[in-house]
Amino acid sequence: MNAPVRPESCGIDLARERGQRAVFCGLTGIVWLHRKIQDAFFLVVGSRTCAHLIQSAAGVMIFAEPRFATAILDERDLAGLADAEDELDRVVERLVARRPDIRLLFLVGSCPSEVIKLDLSRASLRLSRRLAPVRVLSYSGSGIETTFTEGEDACLAALVPELAEALPAPEAPAGEAGLLVAGALGDVVEDQFARLFADLGIPVRFLPGRSAGTMPAIAPGQPFLLAQPFLAGTARALEARGLHHLPAPFPLGAEGTTGWLRAAADAFGVDPARFEAATAPGRRRAATALAPHRARLSGKRVFFFPDSQLEVPLARFLAAELGAEIVEVGTPYLHRGHLAHEIAGLPPGTRVVEGQSLDDQMDRARAARPDLTVCGLGLANPLEAEGLATKWSIELLFTPVQGYEQAGDLAELFARPLRRRGLLEV
């Protein structure tokens, strides 16, 4: 099994900043979660600003009927002139009557609901009893409490206490419950990983399931892998249920995917020859797909602003597999345990900054004049106006990028802005 690595022993410059931030709130995660859990509905209890944010991020057409909405808190609610709990109950009951296909309903907290101290956890319990068999859960996507990708973490952490417990026979060997992979993956990526684990002889289940009825059962002692680096709360919830985390790099690029799969193979005692046979075709295809992008990205200087918490694994991928030079890696939060293997894979001396002081980081980016800046939407246009090529970090969440088959697509996302910049300069 891969052992944790101490980041401080890898020659990495770890720093921490506090100050003004520029990140989306956790409500944005609804955009990919509602596509993943196909009979779930996400009801944000928030303001019109919340509704505009999600509609804009999702690009929903006016005649579409998506599986998310906003229960608007207006002035009467915020002033305490109306009973917000009664109003919420009425909205939810109308919603379930209109959409009988809903099997799982999430009440999602926002900044306004947090400000008026609306207890959504109590509301979810009350509504679950009233609306059975619909399950009603709650979590916070408030910008007060969460950043861009932490909405998914809060959502999955809310699901964990609801998961059934697998009950293997008393004489069953450890690990009979199989491997749990936590983190929302594109369906095509999930299917690819399922085939790889089958080739390795490892039974696997994924959290979240694609519907309320296919959520995985879990068992004490069961090992789990994180598919995303921003799932600290989900990991804690799984560990509280008795599961244990397998330290591993994340499945971005060929090297990250191989290390991620190897952590599972070591835990389940897979023969090295079988591991080689199962992963060799994917590694070859990934190498072929990465080759043309390496020529464009090798030696290019890349600067990461903090946004998605994917920054450290992406920096490792760019440096180790494509030869890019990493100027700075900013990330909203740095879980040293979950990211230890990724930090160890960075070039010695790489500057990794947890948190953000926006003005200071903007000054450093301007002084460095990197070839490519990875940042949120709010910073991209100003930086482009100053002559810097940018990549929207949000696109890296909306696009399937994990695994061998997507390694070339991931590299293309970074090569494309440089190619566009080259054409503009010509």
Protein backbone atom coordinates (compact mmCIF):
# COMPACT_ATOMS: atom_id res chain seq x y z
CA MET A 1 0.00 0.00 0.00
CA ASN A 2 1.26 3.51 -0.77
CA ALA A 3 2.45 5.22 2.39
CA PRO A 4 1.71 8.89 3.08
CA VAL A 5 4.48 11.32 2.17
CA ARG A 6 5.45 14.34 4.25
CA PRO A 7 5.23 17.40 1.93
CA GLU A 8 7.88 19.21 3.95
CA SER A 9 10.38 16.50 2.98
CA CYS A 10 9.91 17.13 -0.76
CA GLY A 11 11.56 20.56 -0.99
CA ILE A 12 8.23 22.29 -1.70
CA ASP A 13 7.73 25.93 -0.64
CA LEU A 14 4.46 25.72 1.33
CA ALA A 15 2.91 29.06 2.31
CA ARG A 16 -0.42 30.32 3.62
CA GLU A 17 -2.20 33.59 2.87
CA ARG A 18 -5.28 35.26 4.28
CA GLY A 19 -7.07 38.18 2.70
CA GLN A 20 -9.50 39.04 -0.06
CA ARG A 21 -10.62 36.01 -2.09
CA ALA A 22 -12.14 35.58 -5.54
CA VAL A 23 -14.00 32.26 -5.69
CA PHE A 24 -17.51 31.01 -6.47
CA CYS A 25 -19.67 29.59 -3.69
CA GLY A 26 -20.53 25.91 -3.31
CA LEU A 27 -23.89 26.28 -5.06
CA THR A 28 -22.05 25.83 -8.36
CA GLY A 29 -21.57 22.12 -7.66
CA ILE A 30 -25.28 21.59 -8.34
CA VAL A 31 -24.52 22.02 -12.04
CA TRP A 32 -22.67 18.68 -12.27
CA LEU A 33 -24.35 16.90 -9.35
CA HIS A 34 -27.85 17.15 -10.80
CA ARG A 35 -26.57 15.47 -13.96
CA LYS A 36 -24.92 12.69 -11.97
CA ILE A 37 -27.80 11.67 -9.66
CA GLN A 38 -30.52 11.32 -12.24
CA ASP A 39 -33.60 11.25 -9.98
CA ALA A 40 -32.42 13.88 -7.49
CA PHE A 41 -33.63 17.46 -7.26
CA PHE A 42 -31.63 20.33 -5.75
CA LEU A 43 -33.72 23.10 -4.20
CA VAL A 44 -31.63 26.10 -3.19
CA VAL A 45 -33.18 28.12 -0.38
CA GLY A 46 -31.78 31.48 -1.32
CA SER A 47 -32.11 34.75 -3.19
CA ARG A 48 -32.59 35.74 -6.82
CA THR A 49 -28.83 36.18 -6.99
CA CYS A 50 -28.45 32.47 -6.17
CA ALA A 51 -30.92 31.59 -8.93
CA HIS A 52 -29.09 33.75 -11.48
CA LEU A 53 -25.74 32.19 -10.55
CA ILE A 54 -26.90 28.63 -11.11
CA GLN A 55 -28.86 29.43 -14.26
CA SER A 56 -25.84 31.21 -15.74
CA ALA A 57 -23.38 28.47 -14.80
CA ALA A 58 -25.64 25.73 -16.18
CA GLY A 59 -26.65 27.57 -19.34
CA VAL A 60 -30.25 26.37 -18.98
CA MET A 61 -32.57 27.33 -21.82
CA ILE A 62 -35.87 28.99 -20.97
CA PHE A 63 -37.97 26.01 -22.09
CA ALA A 64 -35.91 23.43 -20.18
CA GLU A 65 -37.11 21.92 -16.92
CA PRO A 66 -33.92 21.09 -15.01
CA ARG A 67 -33.72 19.23 -11.72
CA PHE A 68 -32.72 22.26 -9.69
CA ALA A 69 -34.49 25.44 -8.65
CA THR A 70 -34.42 28.23 -6.07
CA ALA A 71 -36.98 28.84 -3.36
CA ILE A 72 -36.68 32.62 -3.25
CA LEU A 73 -36.28 34.25 0.14
CA ASP A 74 -37.75 37.73 -0.28
CA GLU A 75 -37.89 40.78 1.99
CA ARG A 76 -40.76 39.40 4.11
CA ASP A 77 -38.78 36.24 4.85
CA LEU A 78 -35.59 38.12 5.67
CA ALA A 79 -37.47 40.58 7.90
CA GLY A 80 -39.17 37.75 9.80
CA LEU A 81 -42.66 38.83 8.68
CA ALA A 82 -43.42 35.39 7.23
CA ASP A 83 -42.85 31.92 8.66
CA ALA A 84 -40.06 30.74 6.39
CA GLU A 85 -40.46 27.11 7.49
CA ASP A 86 -44.15 27.02 6.55
CA GLU A 87 -43.36 28.70 3.22
CA LEU A 88 -40.62 26.16 2.53
CA ASP A 89 -42.93 23.23 3.31
CA ARG A 90 -45.50 24.55 0.85
CA VAL A 91 -42.89 25.03 -1.89
CA VAL A 92 -41.49 21.52 -1.42
CA GLU A 93 -44.93 19.89 -1.40
CA ARG A 94 -45.88 21.66 -4.65
CA LEU A 95 -42.56 20.64 -6.19
CA VAL A 96 -42.95 16.94 -5.32
CA ALA A 97 -46.55 16.95 -6.57
CA ARG A 98 -45.42 18.44 -9.87
CA ARG A 99 -42.35 16.22 -10.26
CA PRO A 100 -43.35 12.68 -9.14
CA ASP A 101 -40.08 11.33 -10.59
CA ILE A 102 -38.10 12.88 -7.71
CA ARG A 103 -36.74 10.25 -5.33
CA LEU A 104 -34.08 12.31 -3.57
CA LEU A 105 -34.47 15.98 -2.70
CA PHE A 106 -31.65 18.15 -1.42
CA LEU A 107 -32.41 21.37 0.43
CA VAL A 108 -29.35 23.50 -0.24
CA GLY A 109 -28.51 26.32 2.13
CA SER A 110 -27.27 29.68 0.87
CA CYS A 111 -25.98 32.92 2.36
CA PRO A 112 -29.54 34.31 2.92
CA SER A 113 -30.80 31.13 4.59
CA GLU A 114 -27.71 31.08 6.81
CA VAL A 115 -28.23 34.73 7.77
CA ILE A 116 -31.81 34.15 8.98
CA LYS A 117 -30.74 30.89 10.69
CA LEU A 118 -33.20 28.72 8.77
CA ASP A 119 -32.68 25.18 10.08
CA LEU A 120 -32.68 23.09 6.90
CA SER A 121 -31.53 19.93 8.67
CA ARG A 122 -34.66 19.98 10.81
CA ALA A 123 -36.77 20.83 7.75
CA SER A 124 -35.32 17.86 5.85
CA LEU A 125 -36.24 15.45 8.68
CA ARG A 126 -39.75 16.86 8.86
CA LEU A 127 -40.29 16.70 5.11
CA SER A 128 -38.81 13.19 4.80
CA ARG A 129 -41.48 11.91 7.19
CA ARG A 130 -44.22 13.80 5.41
CA LEU A 131 -43.20 13.01 1.81
CA ALA A 132 -42.06 9.37 2.08
CA PRO A 133 -40.82 7.58 -0.01
CA VAL A 134 -39.01 10.74 -1.18
CA ARG A 135 -35.82 11.17 0.86
CA VAL A 136 -35.07 14.78 1.81
CA LEU A 137 -31.52 15.73 2.82
CA SER A 138 -29.82 19.06 3.37
CA TYR A 139 -26.39 20.61 3.04
CA SER A 140 -24.90 24.08 2.81
CA GLY A 141 -23.65 25.65 -0.41
CA SER A 142 -23.41 29.08 1.21
CA GLY A 143 -20.56 31.31 0.17
CA ILE A 144 -20.13 32.09 3.86
CA GLU A 145 -19.17 28.46 4.48
CA THR A 146 -18.13 26.92 1.15
CA THR A 147 -16.05 27.63 -1.91
CA PHE A 148 -16.55 26.47 -5.49
CA THR A 149 -16.17 22.68 -5.18
CA GLU A 150 -17.01 22.29 -1.50
CA GLY A 151 -20.69 22.07 -2.44
CA GLU A 152 -20.06 18.57 -3.81
CA ASP A 153 -18.18 17.66 -0.64
CA ALA A 154 -21.06 18.84 1.55
CA CYS A 155 -23.60 16.99 -0.63
CA LEU A 156 -21.75 13.66 -0.52
CA ALA A 157 -21.04 14.04 3.20
CA ALA A 158 -24.80 14.44 3.72
CA LEU A 159 -25.39 11.20 1.82
CA VAL A 160 -22.92 9.08 3.81
CA PRO A 161 -25.04 8.68 7.00
CA GLU A 162 -27.92 7.50 4.78
CA LEU A 163 -25.95 4.70 3.09
CA ALA A 164 -27.02 1.18 3.96
CA GLU A 165 -24.52 -1.07 5.68
CA ALA A 166 -23.31 -4.11 3.79
CA LEU A 167 -23.30 -7.21 5.97
CA PRO A 168 -20.80 -9.76 4.66
CA ALA A 169 -20.77 -13.21 6.19
CA PRO A 170 -18.86 -13.43 9.51
CA GLU A 171 -16.22 -15.67 7.94
CA ALA A 172 -15.79 -13.37 4.93
CA PRO A 173 -12.25 -12.00 4.41
CA ALA A 174 -11.57 -8.31 4.88
CA GLY A 175 -12.39 -6.32 1.77
CA GLU A 176 -15.26 -8.53 0.57
CA ALA A 177 -17.43 -5.42 0.44
CA GLY A 178 -15.05 -4.25 -2.28
CA LEU A 179 -13.67 -0.82 -3.01
CA LEU A 180 -15.63 2.41 -2.69
CA VAL A 181 -14.74 5.29 -5.02
CA ALA A 182 -16.01 8.62 -3.68
CA GLY A 183 -16.47 11.61 -5.96
CA ALA A 184 -18.75 12.54 -8.85
CA LEU A 185 -17.29 11.32 -12.14
CA GLY A 186 -18.67 11.59 -15.65
CA ASP A 187 -20.60 8.43 -16.52
CA VAL A 188 -18.18 7.55 -19.31
CA VAL A 189 -15.23 7.89 -16.91
CA GLU A 190 -16.98 5.84 -14.24
CA ASP A 191 -17.65 3.07 -16.77
CA GLN A 192 -13.99 3.06 -17.82
CA PHE A 193 -12.81 2.77 -14.23
CA ALA A 194 -15.35 0.03 -13.52
CA ARG A 195 -13.87 -2.01 -16.41
CA LEU A 196 -10.32 -1.41 -15.15
CA PHE A 197 -11.20 -2.51 -11.63
CA ALA A 198 -12.95 -5.57 -13.06
CA ASP A 199 -9.77 -6.42 -14.99
CA LEU A 200 -7.89 -6.14 -11.69
CA GLY A 201 -10.41 -8.41 -9.96
CA ILE A 202 -11.52 -5.66 -7.54
CA PRO A 203 -15.28 -5.25 -6.87
CA VAL A 204 -16.11 -1.53 -6.85
CA ARG A 205 -19.02 0.79 -6.08
CA PHE A 206 -19.22 4.53 -6.70
CA LEU A 207 -20.50 7.37 -4.53
CA PRO A 208 -22.71 9.01 -5.60
CA GLY A 209 -24.75 6.41 -7.42
CA ARG A 210 -26.56 7.42 -10.59
CA SER A 211 -29.91 7.29 -8.82
CA ALA A 212 -31.27 7.28 -5.29
CA GLY A 213 -31.80 3.53 -5.54
CA THR A 214 -28.22 2.74 -6.58
CA MET A 215 -26.35 4.43 -3.74
CA PRO A 216 -23.64 2.02 -2.54
CA ALA A 217 -23.86 -0.01 0.64
CA ILE A 218 -20.76 0.29 2.82
CA ALA A 219 -19.10 -1.81 5.51
CA PRO A 220 -16.69 -1.16 8.38
CA GLY A 221 -13.13 -1.83 7.30
CA GLN A 222 -13.92 -1.19 3.65
CA PRO A 223 -11.21 0.74 1.76
CA PHE A 224 -12.09 3.82 -0.26
CA LEU A 225 -10.38 6.01 -2.84
CA LEU A 226 -11.15 9.67 -3.39
CA ALA A 227 -11.69 10.60 -7.03
CA GLN A 228 -11.49 14.32 -6.24
CA PRO A 229 -9.10 16.21 -3.93
CA PHE A 230 -11.78 18.46 -2.41
CA LEU A 231 -13.71 15.78 -0.48
CA ALA A 232 -12.28 16.23 3.02
CA GLY A 233 -15.71 16.26 4.69
CA THR A 234 -16.84 13.19 2.75
CA ALA A 235 -13.68 11.34 3.79
CA ARG A 236 -14.29 12.21 7.45
CA ALA A 237 -17.89 10.98 7.18
CA LEU A 238 -16.77 7.69 5.61
CA GLU A 239 -14.08 7.20 8.25
CA ALA A 240 -16.72 7.80 10.93
CA ARG A 241 -18.62 4.84 9.41
CA GLY A 242 -15.49 2.68 9.81
CA LEU A 243 -14.08 2.83 6.27
CA HIS A 244 -10.40 3.59 5.67
CA HIS A 245 -8.88 5.90 3.10
CA LEU A 246 -6.24 4.66 0.66
CA PRO A 247 -3.58 7.39 0.23
CA ALA A 248 -2.98 7.89 -3.50
CA PRO A 249 -2.40 10.49 -6.19
CA PHE A 250 -5.53 11.54 -8.08
CA PRO A 251 -6.44 10.04 -11.47
CA LEU A 252 -5.37 12.98 -13.64
CA GLY A 253 -3.05 12.03 -16.48
CA ALA A 254 -1.38 8.67 -17.03
CA GLU A 255 0.90 8.82 -13.99
CA GLY A 256 -1.83 9.97 -11.62
CA THR A 257 -4.24 7.32 -12.89
CA THR A 258 -1.65 4.57 -12.56
CA GLY A 259 -0.76 5.60 -9.00
CA TRP A 260 -4.46 5.79 -8.06
CA LEU A 261 -5.17 2.33 -9.43
CA ARG A 262 -2.02 0.92 -7.84
CA ALA A 263 -3.17 2.07 -4.38
CA ALA A 264 -6.29 -0.08 -4.81
CA ALA A 265 -4.34 -2.97 -6.32
CA ASP A 266 -1.91 -3.00 -3.38
CA ALA A 267 -4.77 -2.91 -0.86
CA PHE A 268 -6.47 -5.91 -2.53
CA GLY A 269 -3.28 -7.89 -3.14
CA VAL A 270 -3.44 -7.80 -6.94
CA ASP A 271 -0.55 -9.61 -8.58
CA PRO A 272 1.91 -7.13 -10.22
CA ALA A 273 1.76 -9.01 -13.53
CA ARG A 274 -2.02 -8.70 -13.57
CA PHE A 275 -1.76 -4.98 -12.76
CA GLU A 276 0.69 -4.50 -15.62
CA ALA A 277 -1.53 -6.36 -18.07
CA ALA A 278 -4.66 -4.44 -17.04
CA THR A 279 -3.12 -0.96 -17.18
CA ALA A 280 -0.59 -1.22 -20.03
CA PRO A 281 -3.07 -0.60 -22.90
CA GLY A 282 -4.44 2.53 -21.21
CA ARG A 283 -0.97 3.83 -20.46
CA ARG A 284 0.05 3.37 -24.09
CA ARG A 285 -3.04 5.19 -25.37
CA ALA A 286 -2.49 8.03 -22.90
CA ALA A 287 1.17 8.39 -23.96
CA THR A 288 0.12 8.63 -27.61
CA ALA A 289 -2.56 11.22 -26.83
CA LEU A 290 -0.21 13.36 -24.70
CA ALA A 291 2.71 13.46 -27.16
CA PRO A 292 1.45 16.28 -29.45
CA HIS A 293 0.48 18.46 -26.47
CA ARG A 294 3.86 18.00 -24.79
CA ALA A 295 5.53 19.84 -27.65
CA ARG A 296 3.30 22.89 -27.06
CA LEU A 297 3.32 22.86 -23.25
CA SER A 298 6.92 21.85 -22.50
CA GLY A 299 8.80 24.74 -20.91
CA LYS A 300 5.69 26.93 -20.65
CA ARG A 301 5.33 28.80 -17.37
CA VAL A 302 1.98 28.22 -15.61
CA PHE A 303 0.48 30.15 -12.68
CA PHE A 304 -2.53 28.80 -10.71
CA PHE A 305 -4.94 31.05 -8.85
CA PRO A 306 -6.92 29.27 -6.10
CA ASP A 307 -10.38 28.17 -7.16
CA SER A 308 -11.31 24.47 -7.46
CA GLN A 309 -8.83 22.63 -5.17
CA LEU A 310 -7.75 20.69 -8.27
CA GLU A 311 -4.73 22.97 -8.59
CA VAL A 312 -2.06 20.78 -6.97
CA PRO A 313 -2.86 17.58 -8.96
CA LEU A 314 -3.13 19.61 -12.16
CA ALA A 315 0.23 21.27 -11.51
CA ARG A 316 1.78 17.84 -10.93
CA PHE A 317 0.29 16.61 -14.22
CA LEU A 318 1.55 19.60 -16.20
CA ALA A 319 5.05 19.43 -14.74
CA ALA A 320 5.62 15.67 -14.65
CA GLU A 321 3.84 14.58 -17.82
CA LEU A 322 4.04 17.64 -20.08
CA GLY A 323 7.23 19.38 -19.00
CA ALA A 324 5.61 22.68 -17.97
CA GLU A 325 7.27 25.01 -15.47
CA ILE A 326 5.06 25.78 -12.47
CA VAL A 327 5.44 29.37 -11.26
CA GLU A 328 2.97 29.18 -8.36
CA VAL A 329 0.15 26.88 -7.25
CA GLY A 330 -2.60 28.65 -5.34
CA THR A 331 -5.35 26.52 -3.79
CA PRO A 332 -8.24 27.49 -1.48
CA TYR A 333 -7.44 24.71 1.01
CA LEU A 334 -4.55 22.27 1.24
CA HIS A 335 -5.29 18.90 2.83
CA ARG A 336 -1.73 17.74 3.39
CA GLY A 337 -2.74 14.11 3.94
CA HIS A 338 -4.92 13.72 0.85
CA LEU A 339 -2.50 15.68 -1.35
CA ALA A 340 0.79 14.33 0.00
CA HIS A 341 1.53 12.19 -3.07
CA GLU A 342 0.65 15.07 -5.40
CA ILE A 343 2.88 17.53 -3.55
CA ALA A 344 5.69 14.99 -3.64
CA GLY A 345 5.29 14.83 -7.42
CA LEU A 346 5.88 18.58 -7.90
CA PRO A 347 9.32 19.84 -8.93
CA PRO A 348 11.49 20.78 -5.92
CA GLY A 349 11.11 24.42 -4.97
CA THR A 350 7.56 24.78 -6.36
CA ARG A 351 5.65 27.47 -4.45
CA VAL A 352 2.30 26.19 -3.12
CA VAL A 353 0.05 28.79 -1.47
CA GLU A 354 -2.99 27.85 0.60
CA GLY A 355 -5.70 30.50 0.82
CA GLN A 356 -5.58 33.81 -0.98
CA SER A 357 -4.68 37.45 -0.65
CA LEU A 358 -5.99 38.53 -4.04
CA ASP A 359 -4.08 41.79 -4.44
CA ASP A 360 -0.78 40.17 -3.46
CA GLN A 361 -1.31 37.22 -5.79
CA MET A 362 -2.32 39.49 -8.68
CA ASP A 363 0.92 41.43 -8.14
CA ARG A 364 2.95 38.21 -8.26
CA ALA A 365 1.18 37.04 -11.43
CA ARG A 366 1.77 40.38 -13.15
CA ALA A 367 5.43 40.33 -12.18
CA ALA A 368 5.90 36.73 -13.35
CA ARG A 369 4.10 37.22 -16.71
CA PRO A 370 3.38 33.46 -17.05
CA ASP A 371 2.60 31.88 -20.41
CA LEU A 372 -0.69 30.54 -18.99
CA THR A 373 -2.75 31.54 -15.96
CA VAL A 374 -5.38 29.14 -14.58
CA CYS A 375 -8.05 31.10 -12.72
CA GLY A 376 -11.74 31.67 -12.05
CA LEU A 377 -14.09 33.44 -14.43
CA GLY A 378 -13.97 36.67 -12.45
CA LEU A 379 -10.24 37.10 -13.00
CA ALA A 380 -9.91 35.81 -16.56
CA ASN A 381 -11.10 38.90 -18.45
CA PRO A 382 -8.96 41.41 -16.50
CA LEU A 383 -5.88 39.21 -16.95
CA GLU A 384 -6.60 38.71 -20.66
CA ALA A 385 -6.88 42.51 -20.98
CA GLU A 386 -3.38 42.72 -19.53
CA GLY A 387 -2.06 40.36 -22.20
CA LEU A 388 -2.03 37.10 -20.21
CA ALA A 389 -3.43 33.88 -21.66
CA THR A 390 -5.91 32.26 -19.25
CA LYS A 391 -7.71 28.97 -18.70
CA TRP A 392 -11.02 28.94 -16.81
CA SER A 393 -10.69 26.52 -13.91
CA ILE A 394 -14.44 25.87 -13.94
CA GLU A 395 -14.07 24.11 -17.30
CA LEU A 396 -11.89 21.48 -15.63
CA LEU A 397 -14.89 20.48 -13.46
CA PHE A 398 -17.47 20.41 -16.24
CA THR A 399 -15.29 18.30 -18.57
CA PRO A 400 -14.52 14.58 -18.06
CA VAL A 401 -10.76 14.65 -17.44
CA GLN A 402 -9.95 11.67 -15.20
CA GLY A 403 -8.38 8.44 -16.38
CA TYR A 404 -6.18 7.20 -19.22
CA GLU A 405 -8.67 7.86 -22.01
CA GLN A 406 -9.14 11.50 -21.02
CA ALA A 407 -5.44 12.35 -20.52
CA GLY A 408 -5.17 13.88 -23.99
CA ASP A 409 -8.39 15.87 -23.48
CA LEU A 410 -7.01 17.24 -20.21
CA ALA A 411 -3.79 18.35 -21.90
CA GLU A 412 -5.81 19.91 -24.73
CA LEU A 413 -7.64 22.14 -22.24
CA PHE A 414 -4.29 23.74 -21.33
CA ALA A 415 -2.87 23.78 -24.85
CA ARG A 416 -5.91 25.46 -26.42
CA PRO A 417 -5.45 28.95 -24.86
CA LEU A 418 -1.81 28.96 -25.92
CA ARG A 419 -2.75 27.99 -29.46
CA ARG A 420 -5.42 30.70 -29.52
CA ARG A 421 -2.95 33.27 -28.20
CA GLY A 422 -0.45 32.27 -30.89
CA LEU A 423 -3.06 32.77 -33.63
CA LEU A 424 -4.02 36.19 -32.27
CA GLU A 425 -0.39 37.29 -32.21
CA VAL A 426 0.09 36.20 -35.83
